[in-house]
């Protein structure tokens, strides 16, 4: 995610093409198309609630599974990549108004037998930092993780992990999609998280038409290991990958066509693309102008866009890069005219 936001050569050129031809006000106009809501998600949540209230004899394990049911939109997603010196995710009061908190990143080279990082595979201080947010979750005791998860659940916040990121290029480096999905799913289960965000940024693989098949196999296996309604699976593509007739393998439109039903929603980096149900599109924005090379919107402008879009039936939500530049005050301002906190 950070290479796209910071402006790598291949992505910057594509992004500037879109910036030149599609001004930011299109965010509002695109979102005003009619949308179909995710009724199956709402039904799943309703069922989980009814089961919990009707059956007081549920085991603790069963209650934990029900608490992980996929939330209905809108989704208010925040990522945490920057190392702050603190151990563990922030207190829920710091992110009030969000309902998904994403630990970043779990890497292909950072998850082995016990889901520990092999520090010999970390090639730079930056690689260590971006792997650390996911790694440090494993250094907490079971009791510490349970306490944090309980606090987040009580506040209505799902805790998930983002995989790959800008430093991991699994297709280009020959990682097996099935084995990688199995390893990541085992990590999520072992450390009691609510799901996975797939921040795949293997640009060379998309340019060469190899990314789509890899992502389809990976997502299919990941969902087989992390069942829908029990675990969240999201993807965080850069928006140009949704463009038709630009990518030899079909881009993310091909991925969505094949396995979109297995993906709960998309945390789209940049702006709202065409070809995917809008209720599954969570609009990604940087918290500040310094958090990204492109795409920054003031909270007041973004709030106005959401108000207009909601009036037309859209309910996808917003994703922000990243904590602590965005906190409770940021999301409160963004939601003020549409879904007030």
Protein backbone atom coordinates (compact mmCIF):
# COMPACT_ATOMS: atom_id res chain seq x y z
CA UNK A 1 0.00 0.00 0.00
CA UNK A 2 2.70 2.48 0.90
CA UNK A 3 4.53 2.24 -2.46
CA UNK A 4 1.34 3.16 -4.28
CA UNK A 5 0.62 5.97 -1.90
CA UNK A 6 4.19 7.23 -1.87
CA UNK A 7 4.38 7.12 -5.66
CA UNK A 8 6.33 4.28 -7.25
CA UNK A 9 7.13 4.88 -10.93
CA UNK A 10 4.65 2.44 -12.47
CA UNK A 11 1.76 3.43 -10.26
CA UNK A 12 2.42 7.17 -10.33
CA UNK A 13 2.23 7.27 -14.10
CA UNK A 14 -1.09 5.45 -14.07
CA UNK A 15 -2.43 7.51 -11.21
CA UNK A 16 -1.53 10.80 -12.91
CA UNK A 17 -3.34 9.65 -16.05
CA UNK A 18 -6.43 9.20 -13.96
CA UNK A 19 -5.90 12.45 -12.08
CA UNK A 20 -5.66 14.39 -15.33
CA UNK A 21 -8.84 12.93 -16.76
CA UNK A 22 -10.85 12.30 -13.61
CA UNK A 23 -10.91 15.16 -11.08
CA UNK A 24 -11.54 14.28 -7.48
CA UNK A 25 -15.14 15.51 -7.63
CA UNK A 26 -15.90 12.35 -9.64
CA UNK A 27 -15.80 10.48 -6.36
CA UNK A 28 -19.25 11.90 -5.64
CA UNK A 29 -20.73 11.49 -9.11
CA UNK A 30 -19.57 7.88 -9.52
CA UNK A 31 -20.96 6.92 -6.14
CA UNK A 32 -24.41 8.29 -7.03
CA UNK A 33 -25.28 5.30 -9.22
CA UNK A 34 -27.82 2.84 -7.84
CA UNK A 35 -26.37 0.12 -5.65
CA UNK A 36 -27.39 -3.30 -4.42
CA UNK A 37 -26.89 -3.81 -0.70
CA UNK A 38 -25.22 -6.83 0.89
CA UNK A 39 -28.38 -8.40 2.36
CA UNK A 40 -26.70 -11.75 2.87
CA UNK A 41 -24.18 -10.10 5.19
CA UNK A 42 -26.94 -8.44 7.19
CA UNK A 43 -28.80 -11.75 7.42
CA UNK A 44 -25.67 -13.48 8.71
CA UNK A 45 -25.17 -10.89 11.42
CA UNK A 46 -28.85 -10.99 12.38
CA UNK A 47 -28.74 -14.77 12.61
CA UNK A 48 -25.65 -14.65 14.82
CA UNK A 49 -27.30 -12.15 17.15
CA UNK A 50 -30.50 -14.19 17.40
CA UNK A 51 -28.59 -17.38 18.08
CA UNK A 52 -26.59 -15.73 20.83
CA UNK A 53 -29.66 -14.33 22.54
CA UNK A 54 -31.71 -17.51 22.25
CA UNK A 55 -29.11 -20.04 23.28
CA UNK A 56 -27.51 -19.15 26.59
CA UNK A 57 -25.72 -22.49 26.65
CA UNK A 58 -23.30 -21.62 23.83
CA UNK A 59 -19.69 -22.44 24.60
CA UNK A 60 -17.09 -19.71 24.83
CA UNK A 61 -15.62 -20.96 21.54
CA UNK A 62 -19.01 -20.71 19.82
CA UNK A 63 -19.54 -17.19 21.14
CA UNK A 64 -16.10 -16.20 19.86
CA UNK A 65 -16.97 -17.51 16.39
CA UNK A 66 -20.26 -15.63 16.36
CA UNK A 67 -18.53 -12.43 17.44
CA UNK A 68 -16.37 -12.63 14.29
CA UNK A 69 -19.36 -12.60 11.93
CA UNK A 70 -18.76 -10.34 8.94
CA UNK A 71 -20.13 -6.85 9.66
CA UNK A 72 -22.65 -5.21 7.38
CA UNK A 73 -21.69 -1.98 5.61
CA UNK A 74 -20.74 0.78 6.00
CA UNK A 75 -17.17 -0.17 6.87
CA UNK A 76 -14.84 2.30 8.58
CA UNK A 77 -11.35 0.85 8.15
CA UNK A 78 -8.02 2.09 9.50
CA UNK A 79 -4.56 0.65 8.93
CA UNK A 80 -1.64 0.65 11.34
CA UNK A 81 1.80 0.45 9.77
CA UNK A 82 3.85 3.06 11.60
CA UNK A 83 5.81 1.87 14.62
CA UNK A 84 4.97 4.03 17.63
CA UNK A 85 6.97 2.27 20.34
CA UNK A 86 3.81 1.02 22.03
CA UNK A 87 3.16 -2.70 22.28
CA UNK A 88 -0.16 -3.85 20.92
CA UNK A 89 -3.00 -2.00 19.16
CA UNK A 90 -4.18 1.37 20.52
CA UNK A 91 -6.87 1.73 23.14
CA UNK A 92 -10.33 1.67 21.61
CA UNK A 93 -10.90 5.28 22.67
CA UNK A 94 -8.22 6.39 20.19
CA UNK A 95 -10.08 4.87 17.23
CA UNK A 96 -13.71 5.35 18.24
CA UNK A 97 -15.85 5.61 15.11
CA UNK A 98 -13.90 2.98 13.16
CA UNK A 99 -15.15 -0.61 13.04
CA UNK A 100 -12.14 -2.38 11.48
CA UNK A 101 -8.54 -2.03 12.68
CA UNK A 102 -5.87 -3.53 10.42
CA UNK A 103 -2.45 -4.67 11.64
CA UNK A 104 0.16 -4.24 8.91
CA UNK A 105 1.83 -6.37 7.57
CA UNK A 106 2.11 -10.13 7.61
CA UNK A 107 4.67 -11.12 4.97
CA UNK A 108 5.30 -14.35 3.09
CA UNK A 109 8.79 -14.36 4.60
CA UNK A 110 7.41 -13.44 7.99
CA UNK A 111 5.18 -16.39 8.82
CA UNK A 112 6.69 -19.77 9.52
CA UNK A 113 5.92 -22.76 11.75
CA UNK A 114 4.79 -20.77 14.77
CA UNK A 115 3.92 -17.62 12.74
CA UNK A 116 7.09 -15.96 13.95
CA UNK A 117 9.18 -13.63 11.82
CA UNK A 118 12.45 -15.01 10.57
CA UNK A 119 14.55 -11.94 11.20
CA UNK A 120 17.23 -13.23 8.88
CA UNK A 121 14.82 -12.63 6.00
CA UNK A 122 14.24 -8.98 6.91
CA UNK A 123 16.55 -6.96 4.68
CA UNK A 124 16.13 -3.45 6.07
CA UNK A 125 15.00 -1.48 9.10
CA UNK A 126 11.89 -0.46 7.19
CA UNK A 127 11.01 -4.10 6.44
CA UNK A 128 11.39 -4.85 10.13
CA UNK A 129 9.07 -2.00 11.11
CA UNK A 130 6.30 -2.89 8.67
CA UNK A 131 6.46 -6.51 9.71
CA UNK A 132 6.54 -5.63 13.41
CA UNK A 133 2.91 -4.56 13.86
CA UNK A 134 1.79 -8.07 12.92
CA UNK A 135 4.71 -9.75 14.66
CA UNK A 136 4.26 -8.00 17.97
CA UNK A 137 0.73 -9.40 18.17
CA UNK A 138 2.38 -12.82 18.52
CA UNK A 139 4.60 -11.61 21.38
CA UNK A 140 1.61 -10.84 23.61
CA UNK A 141 0.38 -13.53 25.97
CA UNK A 142 -2.86 -15.36 25.28
CA UNK A 143 -4.43 -13.41 28.14
CA UNK A 144 -3.26 -10.07 26.75
CA UNK A 145 -4.61 -10.85 23.30
CA UNK A 146 -7.90 -12.03 24.76
CA UNK A 147 -8.26 -8.82 26.75
CA UNK A 148 -7.59 -6.64 23.70
CA UNK A 149 -9.95 -8.66 21.52
CA UNK A 150 -12.66 -8.43 24.18
CA UNK A 151 -12.28 -4.65 24.40
CA UNK A 152 -12.37 -4.28 20.62
CA UNK A 153 -15.40 -6.57 20.30
CA UNK A 154 -17.26 -4.60 22.96
CA UNK A 155 -16.57 -1.43 20.96
CA UNK A 156 -17.74 -3.08 17.72
CA UNK A 157 -14.26 -3.11 16.16
CA UNK A 158 -12.91 -6.05 14.16
CA UNK A 159 -9.18 -6.73 14.36
CA UNK A 160 -7.64 -8.11 11.17
CA UNK A 161 -4.20 -8.42 9.58
CA UNK A 162 -3.10 -7.06 6.22
CA UNK A 163 -0.86 -9.32 4.17
CA UNK A 164 1.86 -8.62 1.59
CA UNK A 165 1.97 -4.81 1.27
CA UNK A 166 4.40 -2.98 -1.00
CA UNK A 167 7.48 -4.93 0.10
CA UNK A 168 6.11 -8.39 -0.72
CA UNK A 169 5.70 -9.56 -4.33
CA UNK A 170 4.56 -13.18 -4.00
CA UNK A 171 3.82 -13.95 -7.64
CA UNK A 172 7.10 -12.53 -8.94
CA UNK A 173 9.09 -14.37 -6.27
CA UNK A 174 7.42 -17.70 -6.99
CA UNK A 175 5.38 -18.14 -3.81
CA UNK A 176 2.79 -20.89 -4.08
CA UNK A 177 -0.71 -19.36 -3.69
CA UNK A 178 -2.23 -22.41 -1.98
CA UNK A 179 0.58 -22.86 0.54
CA UNK A 180 0.67 -19.11 1.21
CA UNK A 181 -3.07 -19.01 1.86
CA UNK A 182 -2.83 -22.00 4.20
CA UNK A 183 0.01 -20.40 6.17
CA UNK A 184 -1.77 -17.06 6.54
CA UNK A 185 -5.06 -18.71 7.53
CA UNK A 186 -3.30 -20.78 10.18
CA UNK A 187 -1.70 -17.60 11.56
CA UNK A 188 -5.05 -15.84 11.80
CA UNK A 189 -6.62 -18.79 13.61
CA UNK A 190 -3.69 -19.31 15.95
CA UNK A 191 -3.65 -15.69 17.01
CA UNK A 192 -7.44 -15.21 17.14
CA UNK A 193 -7.87 -12.44 14.60
CA UNK A 194 -11.07 -11.67 12.70
CA UNK A 195 -9.72 -11.99 9.19
CA UNK A 196 -7.32 -10.94 6.43
CA UNK A 197 -6.92 -7.90 4.20
CA UNK A 198 -5.12 -8.79 0.97
CA UNK A 199 -2.92 -5.80 0.09
CA UNK A 200 -1.38 -7.35 -3.02
CA UNK A 201 0.96 -4.97 -4.84
CA UNK A 202 2.92 -7.14 -7.25
CA UNK A 203 2.86 -4.63 -10.11
CA UNK A 204 5.14 -6.63 -12.40
CA UNK A 205 2.79 -9.59 -12.11
CA UNK A 206 -0.18 -7.45 -13.21
CA UNK A 207 1.87 -5.99 -16.06
CA UNK A 208 2.75 -9.52 -17.17
CA UNK A 209 -0.77 -10.93 -16.85
CA UNK A 210 0.16 -13.39 -14.09
CA UNK A 211 -1.35 -11.71 -11.03
CA UNK A 212 -4.98 -12.56 -11.67
CA UNK A 213 -4.63 -16.36 -11.69
CA UNK A 214 -2.41 -16.22 -8.60
CA UNK A 215 -4.89 -14.05 -6.69
CA UNK A 216 -7.83 -16.21 -7.72
CA UNK A 217 -6.14 -19.39 -6.44
CA UNK A 218 -4.94 -17.65 -3.28
CA UNK A 219 -8.35 -16.15 -2.46
CA UNK A 220 -10.19 -19.40 -3.14
CA UNK A 221 -7.94 -21.31 -0.75
CA UNK A 222 -7.95 -18.54 1.85
CA UNK A 223 -11.75 -18.53 1.92
CA UNK A 224 -11.81 -22.32 2.16
CA UNK A 225 -9.71 -22.03 5.31
CA UNK A 226 -11.49 -18.92 6.68
CA UNK A 227 -15.22 -19.47 6.10
CA UNK A 228 -17.50 -16.62 5.14
CA UNK A 229 -19.59 -15.30 8.01
CA UNK A 230 -16.93 -16.38 10.48
CA UNK A 231 -13.92 -14.52 9.08
CA UNK A 232 -13.50 -11.35 7.05
CA UNK A 233 -11.57 -11.36 3.78
CA UNK A 234 -11.02 -8.02 2.07
CA UNK A 235 -8.76 -6.88 -0.76
CA UNK A 236 -7.02 -3.51 -1.07
CA UNK A 237 -6.27 -3.02 -4.78
CA UNK A 238 -4.99 0.17 -6.35
CA UNK A 239 -7.86 1.62 -8.34
CA UNK A 240 -6.30 1.50 -11.84
CA UNK A 241 -6.35 -2.31 -11.62
CA UNK A 242 -10.13 -2.14 -12.04
CA UNK A 243 -9.74 -0.45 -15.42
CA UNK A 244 -11.04 -2.57 -18.32
CA UNK A 245 -8.81 -3.45 -21.27
CA UNK A 246 -5.65 -2.19 -19.58
CA UNK A 247 -4.21 -5.39 -18.10
CA UNK A 248 -3.37 -8.50 -20.15
CA UNK A 249 -4.90 -10.81 -17.55
CA UNK A 250 -8.02 -8.70 -17.04
CA UNK A 251 -6.96 -6.92 -13.86
CA UNK A 252 -9.15 -6.85 -10.78
CA UNK A 253 -12.32 -7.10 -12.87
CA UNK A 254 -11.20 -10.65 -13.69
CA UNK A 255 -10.45 -11.34 -10.02
CA UNK A 256 -13.86 -10.02 -8.98
CA UNK A 257 -15.61 -11.99 -11.71
CA UNK A 258 -14.00 -15.22 -10.53
CA UNK A 259 -13.87 -14.87 -6.74
CA UNK A 260 -15.70 -11.64 -5.90
CA UNK A 261 -18.33 -13.63 -4.02
CA UNK A 262 -15.58 -14.78 -1.64
CA UNK A 263 -14.42 -11.20 -0.91
CA UNK A 264 -16.40 -9.22 1.65
CA UNK A 265 -15.41 -5.80 0.32
CA UNK A 266 -12.61 -3.85 -1.38
CA UNK A 267 -10.53 -1.21 0.41
CA UNK A 268 -9.82 0.66 -2.81
CA UNK A 269 -6.67 2.76 -2.92
CA UNK A 270 -7.45 6.01 -4.69
CA UNK A 271 -10.99 6.44 -6.06
CA UNK A 272 -14.13 4.50 -6.92
CA UNK A 273 -13.73 2.21 -9.96
CA UNK A 274 -16.40 0.81 -12.25
CA UNK A 275 -17.48 -2.80 -12.72
CA UNK A 276 -17.94 -3.92 -9.09
CA UNK A 277 -21.08 -3.52 -6.93
CA UNK A 278 -20.61 -0.17 -5.21
CA UNK A 279 -21.81 -1.48 -1.86
CA UNK A 280 -18.64 -3.61 -1.79
CA UNK A 281 -16.35 -0.65 -2.44
CA UNK A 282 -14.82 1.08 0.56
CA UNK A 283 -13.19 4.33 -0.54
CA UNK A 284 -9.55 4.59 0.51
CA UNK A 285 -8.01 7.94 1.40
CA UNK A 286 -4.82 9.14 3.10
CA UNK A 287 -5.25 10.80 6.47
CA UNK A 288 -3.04 13.76 5.55
CA UNK A 289 -1.40 15.12 2.40
CA UNK A 290 1.94 13.81 3.66
CA UNK A 291 0.56 10.26 3.92
CA UNK A 292 0.22 9.97 0.15
CA UNK A 293 1.49 11.35 -3.12
CA UNK A 294 -2.03 11.66 -4.51
CA UNK A 295 -5.67 11.54 -3.49
CA UNK A 296 -5.80 13.60 -0.29
CA UNK A 297 -9.19 15.09 0.62
CA UNK A 298 -10.02 17.31 3.54
CA UNK A 299 -12.38 15.73 6.05
CA UNK A 300 -15.05 18.32 5.22
CA UNK A 301 -14.93 17.56 1.48
CA UNK A 302 -14.97 13.82 2.08
CA UNK A 303 -17.88 14.22 4.50
CA UNK A 304 -19.81 16.12 1.82
CA UNK A 305 -19.15 13.35 -0.72
CA UNK A 306 -20.39 10.70 1.68
CA UNK A 307 -23.55 12.68 2.41
CA UNK A 308 -24.38 12.89 -1.30
CA UNK A 309 -23.54 9.24 -1.92
CA UNK A 310 -25.58 8.01 1.03
CA UNK A 311 -28.61 9.91 -0.23
CA UNK A 312 -28.34 7.82 -3.42
CA UNK A 313 -28.15 4.51 -1.54
CA UNK A 314 -24.39 3.86 -1.36
CA UNK A 315 -23.17 2.48 1.97
CA UNK A 316 -19.67 1.07 1.35
CA UNK A 317 -17.69 3.12 3.87
CA UNK A 318 -14.22 4.65 4.08
CA UNK A 319 -10.71 3.29 4.55
CA UNK A 320 -7.87 5.51 5.77
CA UNK A 321 -4.09 5.23 5.64
CA UNK A 322 -3.08 5.45 8.47
CA UNK A 323 -3.11 5.51 12.32
CA UNK A 324 -2.09 7.64 14.21
CA UNK A 325 -2.52 10.42 11.60
CA UNK A 326 -6.16 9.39 11.56
CA UNK A 327 -7.81 8.78 14.91
CA UNK A 328 -11.27 9.13 16.43
CA UNK A 329 -11.46 12.84 15.57
CA UNK A 330 -10.72 12.16 11.87
CA UNK A 331 -13.46 9.57 11.40
CA UNK A 332 -15.90 11.60 13.48
CA UNK A 333 -15.46 14.51 11.06
CA UNK A 334 -15.70 12.28 7.97
CA UNK A 335 -18.91 10.61 9.18
CA UNK A 336 -20.51 13.78 10.55
CA UNK A 337 -22.93 14.39 7.65
CA UNK A 338 -23.77 10.78 6.80
CA UNK A 339 -23.32 8.26 9.60
CA UNK A 340 -22.57 10.39 12.71
CA UNK A 341 -20.53 8.72 15.41
